[in-house]
């Protein structure tokens, strides 16, 4: 034989008719079900009946009653999480975008073009933020940069010598 424990609603600022009226005004369907379940419990329905009538489990109804007791009718709505905090703040992102646009300095950075692994090291040195090189790629994509890049030019190349070599090829 199953023993049903009563759920106690300690908040008495709203009657069942006021709860039903609030449910009618609420746009969130999930919150409406929770409000109606609490109204059923206040009317004297046992937890199992009230929970089944509103499409939830007894334990779930118990949890929502605790939230209702603590926070009132606003506690019956879902809470949304803002997500993880960004690794780089807006000033750091602007600095990263500027670094990518200007390109690397061969003497200071030791590379002729930026790769994610190079930017990863630069971000660690400059901002003290450790991230995976794939995350660096995601940061760059969020800033509007794409994977396509121009072919790097060797710093010791001589454009006039290259043009002269091209002319000798055409003369043959």
C-alpha atoms as a PDB file:
ATOM      1  CA  UNK A   1       0.000   0.000   0.000  1.00  0.00           C
ATOM      2  CA  UNK A   2       1.342   3.403  -0.998  1.00  0.00           C
ATOM      3  CA  UNK A   3       1.486   6.136   1.617  1.00  0.00           C
ATOM      4  CA  UNK A   4       0.968   9.598   0.199  1.00  0.00           C
ATOM      5  CA  UNK A   5       2.669  12.438   2.011  1.00  0.00           C
ATOM      6  CA  UNK A   6       0.808  15.715   2.072  1.00  0.00           C
ATOM      7  CA  UNK A   7       2.462  18.718   0.591  1.00  0.00           C
ATOM      8  CA  UNK A   8       2.164  21.859   2.661  1.00  0.00           C
ATOM      9  CA  UNK A   9       1.674  25.232   1.052  1.00  0.00           C
ATOM     10  CA  UNK A  10       2.678  27.871   3.572  1.00  0.00           C
ATOM     11  CA  UNK A  11       2.089  30.889   1.334  1.00  0.00           C
ATOM     12  CA  UNK A  12      -1.495  32.013   1.738  1.00  0.00           C
ATOM     13  CA  UNK A  13      -1.468  35.402   0.008  1.00  0.00           C
ATOM     14  CA  UNK A  14      -3.495  34.083  -2.961  1.00  0.00           C
ATOM     15  CA  UNK A  15      -6.672  32.023  -2.922  1.00  0.00           C
ATOM     16  CA  UNK A  16      -7.415  29.237  -5.405  1.00  0.00           C
ATOM     17  CA  UNK A  17      -9.621  31.522  -7.487  1.00  0.00           C
ATOM     18  CA  UNK A  18      -6.841  34.157  -7.577  1.00  0.00           C
ATOM     19  CA  UNK A  19      -4.339  31.479  -8.600  1.00  0.00           C
ATOM     20  CA  UNK A  20      -6.620  30.337 -11.426  1.00  0.00           C
ATOM     21  CA  UNK A  21      -7.076  33.944 -12.559  1.00  0.00           C
ATOM     22  CA  UNK A  22      -3.296  34.417 -12.518  1.00  0.00           C
ATOM     23  CA  UNK A  23      -2.928  31.213 -14.555  1.00  0.00           C
ATOM     24  CA  UNK A  24      -5.388  32.580 -17.120  1.00  0.00           C
ATOM     25  CA  UNK A  25      -3.288  35.749 -17.486  1.00  0.00           C
ATOM     26  CA  UNK A  26       0.047  33.925 -17.725  1.00  0.00           C
ATOM     27  CA  UNK A  27       1.495  33.343 -21.199  1.00  0.00           C
ATOM     28  CA  UNK A  28       3.990  30.623 -20.162  1.00  0.00           C
ATOM     29  CA  UNK A  29       2.205  27.249 -20.482  1.00  0.00           C
ATOM     30  CA  UNK A  30       4.601  25.483 -18.117  1.00  0.00           C
ATOM     31  CA  UNK A  31       4.048  28.075 -15.409  1.00  0.00           C
ATOM     32  CA  UNK A  32       0.275  27.766 -15.948  1.00  0.00           C
ATOM     33  CA  UNK A  33       0.425  24.016 -15.275  1.00  0.00           C
ATOM     34  CA  UNK A  34       2.390  24.625 -12.091  1.00  0.00           C
ATOM     35  CA  UNK A  35      -0.026  27.307 -10.877  1.00  0.00           C
ATOM     36  CA  UNK A  36      -3.009  25.049 -11.542  1.00  0.00           C
ATOM     37  CA  UNK A  37      -1.347  22.158  -9.706  1.00  0.00           C
ATOM     38  CA  UNK A  38      -0.836  24.370  -6.670  1.00  0.00           C
ATOM     39  CA  UNK A  39      -4.460  25.522  -6.887  1.00  0.00           C
ATOM     40  CA  UNK A  40      -5.554  21.864  -6.872  1.00  0.00           C
ATOM     41  CA  UNK A  41      -3.445  21.171  -3.782  1.00  0.00           C
ATOM     42  CA  UNK A  42      -4.956  24.215  -2.053  1.00  0.00           C
ATOM     43  CA  UNK A  43      -8.430  22.888  -2.879  1.00  0.00           C
ATOM     44  CA  UNK A  44      -7.572  19.680  -1.041  1.00  0.00           C
ATOM     45  CA  UNK A  45      -6.491  17.327  -3.824  1.00  0.00           C
ATOM     46  CA  UNK A  46      -3.724  14.926  -2.866  1.00  0.00           C
ATOM     47  CA  UNK A  47      -0.286  15.367  -4.409  1.00  0.00           C
ATOM     48  CA  UNK A  48      -0.589  12.419  -6.811  1.00  0.00           C
ATOM     49  CA  UNK A  49      -3.939  13.551  -8.222  1.00  0.00           C
ATOM     50  CA  UNK A  50      -2.836  17.187  -8.570  1.00  0.00           C
ATOM     51  CA  UNK A  51       0.432  16.158 -10.204  1.00  0.00           C
ATOM     52  CA  UNK A  52      -1.182  13.765 -12.688  1.00  0.00           C
ATOM     53  CA  UNK A  53      -3.869  16.301 -13.582  1.00  0.00           C
ATOM     54  CA  UNK A  54      -1.177  18.795 -14.516  1.00  0.00           C
ATOM     55  CA  UNK A  55       1.188  16.376 -16.255  1.00  0.00           C
ATOM     56  CA  UNK A  56       3.967  16.049 -13.730  1.00  0.00           C
ATOM     57  CA  UNK A  57       5.344  13.669 -11.129  1.00  0.00           C
ATOM     58  CA  UNK A  58       4.572  13.891  -7.400  1.00  0.00           C
ATOM     59  CA  UNK A  59       8.174  14.770  -6.582  1.00  0.00           C
ATOM     60  CA  UNK A  60       8.198  17.479  -9.237  1.00  0.00           C
ATOM     61  CA  UNK A  61       5.044  19.004  -7.779  1.00  0.00           C
ATOM     62  CA  UNK A  62       6.656  18.924  -4.335  1.00  0.00           C
ATOM     63  CA  UNK A  63       9.673  20.815  -5.682  1.00  0.00           C
ATOM     64  CA  UNK A  64       7.447  23.444  -7.303  1.00  0.00           C
ATOM     65  CA  UNK A  65       5.480  23.859  -4.068  1.00  0.00           C
ATOM     66  CA  UNK A  66       8.745  24.598  -2.262  1.00  0.00           C
ATOM     67  CA  UNK A  67       9.617  27.196  -4.910  1.00  0.00           C
ATOM     68  CA  UNK A  68       6.115  28.700  -4.618  1.00  0.00           C
ATOM     69  CA  UNK A  69       6.435  28.877  -0.838  1.00  0.00           C
ATOM     70  CA  UNK A  70       9.783  30.624  -1.107  1.00  0.00           C
ATOM     71  CA  UNK A  71       9.237  32.968  -4.073  1.00  0.00           C
ATOM     72  CA  UNK A  72       5.525  33.167  -4.780  1.00  0.00           C
ATOM     73  CA  UNK A  73       3.964  32.930  -8.198  1.00  0.00           C
ATOM     74  CA  UNK A  74       7.060  34.348  -9.918  1.00  0.00           C
ATOM     75  CA  UNK A  75       9.046  31.343  -8.684  1.00  0.00           C
ATOM     76  CA  UNK A  76       6.940  29.032 -10.862  1.00  0.00           C
ATOM     77  CA  UNK A  77       8.493  30.285 -14.098  1.00  0.00           C
ATOM     78  CA  UNK A  78      11.628  28.706 -15.523  1.00  0.00           C
ATOM     79  CA  UNK A  79      14.905  30.368 -14.687  1.00  0.00           C
ATOM     80  CA  UNK A  80      17.195  31.070 -17.581  1.00  0.00           C
ATOM     81  CA  UNK A  81      20.944  30.972 -17.230  1.00  0.00           C
ATOM     82  CA  UNK A  82      23.015  33.562 -18.992  1.00  0.00           C
ATOM     83  CA  UNK A  83      25.688  31.003 -19.874  1.00  0.00           C
ATOM     84  CA  UNK A  84      29.377  30.920 -19.162  1.00  0.00           C
ATOM     85  CA  UNK A  85      31.306  34.133 -18.738  1.00  0.00           C
ATOM     86  CA  UNK A  86      33.224  35.105 -21.881  1.00  0.00           C
ATOM     87  CA  UNK A  87      36.950  34.380 -21.870  1.00  0.00           C
ATOM     88  CA  UNK A  88      37.800  37.776 -23.351  1.00  0.00           C
ATOM     89  CA  UNK A  89      36.080  41.047 -22.497  1.00  0.00           C
ATOM     90  CA  UNK A  90      35.141  43.581 -25.174  1.00  0.00           C
ATOM     91  CA  UNK A  91      38.392  45.567 -24.876  1.00  0.00           C
ATOM     92  CA  UNK A  92      40.461  42.394 -25.231  1.00  0.00           C
ATOM     93  CA  UNK A  93      38.403  41.314 -28.256  1.00  0.00           C
ATOM     94  CA  UNK A  94      38.979  44.710 -29.867  1.00  0.00           C
ATOM     95  CA  UNK A  95      42.713  44.372 -29.191  1.00  0.00           C
ATOM     96  CA  UNK A  96      42.705  40.858 -30.703  1.00  0.00           C
ATOM     97  CA  UNK A  97      40.914  42.127 -33.818  1.00  0.00           C
ATOM     98  CA  UNK A  98      43.455  44.932 -34.150  1.00  0.00           C
ATOM     99  CA  UNK A  99      46.352  42.459 -33.826  1.00  0.00           C
ATOM    100  CA  UNK A 100      44.879  40.215 -36.525  1.00  0.00           C
ATOM    101  CA  UNK A 101      44.216  43.123 -38.897  1.00  0.00           C
ATOM    102  CA  UNK A 102      47.723  44.529 -38.492  1.00  0.00           C
ATOM    103  CA  UNK A 103      49.346  41.122 -38.858  1.00  0.00           C
ATOM    104  CA  UNK A 104      52.338  39.774 -36.985  1.00  0.00           C
ATOM    105  CA  UNK A 105      55.722  41.403 -36.646  1.00  0.00           C
ATOM    106  CA  UNK A 106      58.426  38.955 -37.726  1.00  0.00           C
ATOM    107  CA  UNK A 107      60.991  40.158 -35.192  1.00  0.00           C
ATOM    108  CA  UNK A 108      58.598  40.388 -32.231  1.00  0.00           C
ATOM    109  CA  UNK A 109      56.276  37.465 -32.982  1.00  0.00           C
ATOM    110  CA  UNK A 110      58.538  35.162 -34.973  1.00  0.00           C
ATOM    111  CA  UNK A 111      55.903  34.383 -37.618  1.00  0.00           C
ATOM    112  CA  UNK A 112      54.956  35.849 -40.988  1.00  0.00           C
ATOM    113  CA  UNK A 113      51.229  35.129 -40.691  1.00  0.00           C
ATOM    114  CA  UNK A 114      48.875  34.391 -37.805  1.00  0.00           C
ATOM    115  CA  UNK A 115      47.798  30.851 -37.105  1.00  0.00           C
ATOM    116  CA  UNK A 116      45.472  29.932 -34.258  1.00  0.00           C
ATOM    117  CA  UNK A 117      48.331  28.339 -32.335  1.00  0.00           C
ATOM    118  CA  UNK A 118      50.359  31.559 -32.639  1.00  0.00           C
ATOM    119  CA  UNK A 119      47.422  33.708 -31.541  1.00  0.00           C
ATOM    120  CA  UNK A 120      46.825  31.303 -28.655  1.00  0.00           C
ATOM    121  CA  UNK A 121      50.348  32.019 -27.361  1.00  0.00           C
ATOM    122  CA  UNK A 122      49.937  35.756 -27.964  1.00  0.00           C
ATOM    123  CA  UNK A 123      46.619  35.820 -26.057  1.00  0.00           C
ATOM    124  CA  UNK A 124      48.208  33.939 -23.147  1.00  0.00           C
ATOM    125  CA  UNK A 125      51.129  36.393 -23.033  1.00  0.00           C
ATOM    126  CA  UNK A 126      49.125  39.572 -23.493  1.00  0.00           C
ATOM    127  CA  UNK A 127      45.880  38.853 -21.599  1.00  0.00           C
ATOM    128  CA  UNK A 128      46.768  35.923 -19.352  1.00  0.00           C
ATOM    129  CA  UNK A 129      43.838  33.892 -20.741  1.00  0.00           C
ATOM    130  CA  UNK A 130      44.482  30.252 -21.564  1.00  0.00           C
ATOM    131  CA  UNK A 131      42.275  28.827 -24.295  1.00  0.00           C
ATOM    132  CA  UNK A 132      42.410  26.013 -26.820  1.00  0.00           C
ATOM    133  CA  UNK A 133      43.465  26.935 -30.334  1.00  0.00           C
ATOM    134  CA  UNK A 134      40.048  25.832 -31.592  1.00  0.00           C
ATOM    135  CA  UNK A 135      38.488  28.344 -29.217  1.00  0.00           C
ATOM    136  CA  UNK A 136      40.780  30.990 -30.705  1.00  0.00           C
ATOM    137  CA  UNK A 137      39.292  30.107 -34.104  1.00  0.00           C
ATOM    138  CA  UNK A 138      35.792  30.523 -32.696  1.00  0.00           C
ATOM    139  CA  UNK A 139      36.745  33.893 -31.213  1.00  0.00           C
ATOM    140  CA  UNK A 140      38.076  35.002 -34.610  1.00  0.00           C
ATOM    141  CA  UNK A 141      34.906  33.827 -36.369  1.00  0.00           C
ATOM    142  CA  UNK A 142      32.813  35.783 -33.868  1.00  0.00           C
ATOM    143  CA  UNK A 143      34.895  38.860 -34.678  1.00  0.00           C
ATOM    144  CA  UNK A 144      34.159  38.418 -38.389  1.00  0.00           C
ATOM    145  CA  UNK A 145      37.429  36.878 -39.533  1.00  0.00           C
ATOM    146  CA  UNK A 146      37.409  33.912 -41.887  1.00  0.00           C
ATOM    147  CA  UNK A 147      39.824  31.075 -42.451  1.00  0.00           C
ATOM    148  CA  UNK A 148      40.895  32.427 -45.837  1.00  0.00           C
ATOM    149  CA  UNK A 149      44.103  34.388 -45.721  1.00  0.00           C
ATOM    150  CA  UNK A 150      46.478  35.777 -48.278  1.00  0.00           C
ATOM    151  CA  UNK A 151      49.598  33.843 -49.038  1.00  0.00           C
ATOM    152  CA  UNK A 152      52.378  35.277 -46.901  1.00  0.00           C
ATOM    153  CA  UNK A 153      55.269  37.047 -48.577  1.00  0.00           C
ATOM    154  CA  UNK A 154      58.728  36.215 -47.368  1.00  0.00           C
ATOM    155  CA  UNK A 155      60.222  39.237 -45.609  1.00  0.00           C
ATOM    156  CA  UNK A 156      63.492  39.005 -47.573  1.00  0.00           C
ATOM    157  CA  UNK A 157      61.822  38.678 -50.980  1.00  0.00           C
ATOM    158  CA  UNK A 158      62.724  41.184 -53.687  1.00  0.00           C
ATOM    159  CA  UNK A 159      59.744  42.125 -55.913  1.00  0.00           C
ATOM    160  CA  UNK A 160      61.989  43.734 -58.582  1.00  0.00           C
ATOM    161  CA  UNK A 161      64.096  40.555 -58.864  1.00  0.00           C
ATOM    162  CA  UNK A 162      60.914  38.507 -59.208  1.00  0.00           C
ATOM    163  CA  UNK A 163      59.652  40.752 -62.023  1.00  0.00           C
ATOM    164  CA  UNK A 164      63.008  40.488 -63.797  1.00  0.00           C
ATOM    165  CA  UNK A 165      62.876  36.704 -63.502  1.00  0.00           C
ATOM    166  CA  UNK A 166      59.330  36.666 -64.952  1.00  0.00           C
ATOM    167  CA  UNK A 167      60.522  38.765 -67.944  1.00  0.00           C
ATOM    168  CA  UNK A 168      63.358  36.324 -68.667  1.00  0.00           C
ATOM    169  CA  UNK A 169      60.821  33.479 -68.697  1.00  0.00           C
ATOM    170  CA  UNK A 170      58.651  35.315 -71.231  1.00  0.00           C
ATOM    171  CA  UNK A 171      61.626  35.999 -73.536  1.00  0.00           C
ATOM    172  CA  UNK A 172      62.518  32.311 -73.917  1.00  0.00           C
END
